[in-house]
Each structure stands twice: as structure tokens, then as C-alpha cells.
């Protein structure tokens, strides 16, 4: 993850603050909204980390196959990651 978790909390606070000040949302529970925005931002930031872990697991399960066919780990890593991202309609950085 490129952003520090504390900075994500600050960004979520600013987003909610500006939405309220701009009249785009109304809420009596500003802290609850800020918490939900922060949680969603953190989830979104960790999507690629979770995808990378899943790709690693898939490649571990298929390592014998890869060894016998002589396919490089890096090449398969990129292909599997692109395939999963495309199937799930993920936008990666």
C-alpha cells in the first residue's frame, strides 16, 4: 500500500468535511460517515494486495506444472494477475 493508514483517515475526514460543508450530504453522524468512508478507502487500497496474494497462491499450487513446461514465474505471475483483474473488472495502478 502506498498510503499510510493515518493519512487515509485524514483524507476520509477531509472528504466528509468538504461534502458536508458543500451541502452535498447531510448527516447528524459525521464520525460514523467518516469511519465508513475510511474503511471503504482502505478496502479499495488493499484490493491489489489481496489479488497479488491470490496470484501467488495459484502459482504455488501450479508450480510442478510450471516447472515441467519451463514457464517463468514472472511471466505467469503477470498473466494470471492480468487475467484475474480483467475477470473481476478491477482497475489496478
C-alpha atoms as a PDB file:
ATOM      1  CA  UNK A   1       0.000   0.000   0.000  1.00  0.00           C
ATOM      2  CA  UNK A   2       1.387   3.377  -0.984  1.00  0.00           C
ATOM      3  CA  UNK A   3      -0.539   5.477   1.538  1.00  0.00           C
ATOM      4  CA  UNK A   4      -0.035   5.423   5.282  1.00  0.00           C
ATOM      5  CA  UNK A   5      -3.183   4.375   7.140  1.00  0.00           C
ATOM      6  CA  UNK A   6      -3.139   7.578   9.222  1.00  0.00           C
ATOM      7  CA  UNK A   7      -3.166   9.625   6.039  1.00  0.00           C
ATOM      8  CA  UNK A   8      -6.177   7.650   4.774  1.00  0.00           C
ATOM      9  CA  UNK A   9      -8.009   8.558   7.987  1.00  0.00           C
ATOM     10  CA  UNK A  10      -7.141  12.219   7.413  1.00  0.00           C
ATOM     11  CA  UNK A  11      -8.312  12.034   3.784  1.00  0.00           C
ATOM     12  CA  UNK A  12     -11.607  10.423   4.798  1.00  0.00           C
ATOM     13  CA  UNK A  13     -12.158  13.142   7.376  1.00  0.00           C
ATOM     14  CA  UNK A  14     -11.484  15.853   4.779  1.00  0.00           C
ATOM     15  CA  UNK A  15     -13.766  14.239   2.190  1.00  0.00           C
ATOM     16  CA  UNK A  16     -16.688  14.067   4.606  1.00  0.00           C
ATOM     17  CA  UNK A  17     -15.988  17.571   5.925  1.00  0.00           C
ATOM     18  CA  UNK A  18     -15.998  19.051   2.410  1.00  0.00           C
ATOM     19  CA  UNK A  19     -19.113  17.146   1.380  1.00  0.00           C
ATOM     20  CA  UNK A  20     -20.975  18.424   4.433  1.00  0.00           C
ATOM     21  CA  UNK A  21     -19.680  21.997   4.038  1.00  0.00           C
ATOM     22  CA  UNK A  22     -20.532  21.956   0.334  1.00  0.00           C
ATOM     23  CA  UNK A  23     -24.081  20.872   1.063  1.00  0.00           C
ATOM     24  CA  UNK A  24     -23.678  17.678  -0.950  1.00  0.00           C
ATOM     25  CA  UNK A  25     -24.585  15.474   2.002  1.00  0.00           C
ATOM     26  CA  UNK A  26     -26.417  15.984   5.272  1.00  0.00           C
ATOM     27  CA  UNK A  27     -25.693  13.886   8.313  1.00  0.00           C
ATOM     28  CA  UNK A  28     -26.059  14.022  12.052  1.00  0.00           C
ATOM     29  CA  UNK A  29     -23.469  11.247  12.472  1.00  0.00           C
ATOM     30  CA  UNK A  30     -20.390  12.768  10.853  1.00  0.00           C
ATOM     31  CA  UNK A  31     -17.997  10.420  12.707  1.00  0.00           C
ATOM     32  CA  UNK A  32     -19.902   7.334  11.562  1.00  0.00           C
ATOM     33  CA  UNK A  33     -19.851   8.515   7.956  1.00  0.00           C
ATOM     34  CA  UNK A  34     -16.143   9.304   8.221  1.00  0.00           C
ATOM     35  CA  UNK A  35     -15.465   5.840   9.623  1.00  0.00           C
ATOM     36  CA  UNK A  36     -17.341   4.161   6.764  1.00  0.00           C
ATOM     37  CA  UNK A  37     -15.545   6.283   4.159  1.00  0.00           C
ATOM     38  CA  UNK A  38     -12.168   5.451   5.754  1.00  0.00           C
ATOM     39  CA  UNK A  39     -12.965   1.725   5.832  1.00  0.00           C
ATOM     40  CA  UNK A  40     -14.035   1.739   2.192  1.00  0.00           C
ATOM     41  CA  UNK A  41     -10.910   3.657   1.151  1.00  0.00           C
ATOM     42  CA  UNK A  42      -8.713   1.134   2.963  1.00  0.00           C
ATOM     43  CA  UNK A  43     -10.559  -1.765   1.324  1.00  0.00           C
ATOM     44  CA  UNK A  44     -10.033  -0.207  -2.078  1.00  0.00           C
ATOM     45  CA  UNK A  45      -6.340   0.353  -1.410  1.00  0.00           C
ATOM     46  CA  UNK A  46      -5.816  -3.278  -0.438  1.00  0.00           C
ATOM     47  CA  UNK A  47      -7.564  -4.794  -3.474  1.00  0.00           C
ATOM     48  CA  UNK A  48      -4.287  -5.198  -5.356  1.00  0.00           C
ATOM     49  CA  UNK A  49      -2.519  -6.617  -2.296  1.00  0.00           C
ATOM     50  CA  UNK A  50      -5.212  -9.295  -1.945  1.00  0.00           C
ATOM     51  CA  UNK A  51      -5.058 -10.016  -5.680  1.00  0.00           C
ATOM     52  CA  UNK A  52      -1.262 -10.427  -5.509  1.00  0.00           C
ATOM     53  CA  UNK A  53      -1.629 -12.902  -2.665  1.00  0.00           C
ATOM     54  CA  UNK A  54      -4.209 -14.891  -4.614  1.00  0.00           C
ATOM     55  CA  UNK A  55      -1.927 -14.996  -7.673  1.00  0.00           C
ATOM     56  CA  UNK A  56       0.957 -16.253  -5.512  1.00  0.00           C
ATOM     57  CA  UNK A  57      -1.270 -18.994  -4.104  1.00  0.00           C
ATOM     58  CA  UNK A  58      -2.393 -20.079  -7.580  1.00  0.00           C
ATOM     59  CA  UNK A  59       1.205 -20.251  -8.761  1.00  0.00           C
ATOM     60  CA  UNK A  60       2.267 -22.267  -5.712  1.00  0.00           C
ATOM     61  CA  UNK A  61      -0.475 -24.779  -6.495  1.00  0.00           C
ATOM     62  CA  UNK A  62       0.695 -24.995 -10.118  1.00  0.00           C
ATOM     63  CA  UNK A  63       4.462 -24.916  -9.538  1.00  0.00           C
ATOM     64  CA  UNK A  64       5.009 -28.515 -10.675  1.00  0.00           C
ATOM     65  CA  UNK A  65       3.135 -27.826 -13.908  1.00  0.00           C
ATOM     66  CA  UNK A  66       5.160 -24.670 -14.493  1.00  0.00           C
ATOM     67  CA  UNK A  67       8.435 -26.478 -13.823  1.00  0.00           C
ATOM     68  CA  UNK A  68       7.619 -29.250 -16.289  1.00  0.00           C
ATOM     69  CA  UNK A  69       6.654 -26.799 -19.053  1.00  0.00           C
ATOM     70  CA  UNK A  70       9.555 -24.413 -18.381  1.00  0.00           C
ATOM     71  CA  UNK A  71       7.375 -21.324 -17.958  1.00  0.00           C
ATOM     72  CA  UNK A  72       8.939 -18.468 -15.985  1.00  0.00           C
ATOM     73  CA  UNK A  73       7.369 -17.471 -12.671  1.00  0.00           C
ATOM     74  CA  UNK A  74       7.408 -13.754 -13.538  1.00  0.00           C
ATOM     75  CA  UNK A  75       5.711 -14.329 -16.881  1.00  0.00           C
ATOM     76  CA  UNK A  76       2.974 -16.475 -15.352  1.00  0.00           C
ATOM     77  CA  UNK A  77       2.560 -14.043 -12.449  1.00  0.00           C
ATOM     78  CA  UNK A  78       1.814 -11.193 -14.861  1.00  0.00           C
ATOM     79  CA  UNK A  79      -0.533 -13.290 -16.978  1.00  0.00           C
ATOM     80  CA  UNK A  80      -2.513 -14.692 -14.056  1.00  0.00           C
ATOM     81  CA  UNK A  81      -2.774 -11.272 -12.416  1.00  0.00           C
ATOM     82  CA  UNK A  82      -3.979  -9.647 -15.640  1.00  0.00           C
ATOM     83  CA  UNK A  83      -6.499 -12.432 -16.181  1.00  0.00           C
ATOM     84  CA  UNK A  84      -7.948 -12.193 -12.666  1.00  0.00           C
ATOM     85  CA  UNK A  85      -8.061  -8.380 -12.808  1.00  0.00           C
ATOM     86  CA  UNK A  86      -9.853  -8.456 -16.159  1.00  0.00           C
ATOM     87  CA  UNK A  87     -12.358 -11.087 -14.977  1.00  0.00           C
ATOM     88  CA  UNK A  88     -13.137  -9.062 -11.858  1.00  0.00           C
ATOM     89  CA  UNK A  89     -13.140  -5.749 -13.723  1.00  0.00           C
ATOM     90  CA  UNK A  90     -10.502  -4.297 -11.415  1.00  0.00           C
ATOM     91  CA  UNK A  91      -8.558  -1.171 -12.252  1.00  0.00           C
ATOM     92  CA  UNK A  92      -5.013  -1.552 -10.976  1.00  0.00           C
ATOM     93  CA  UNK A  93      -2.388   1.120 -10.515  1.00  0.00           C
END
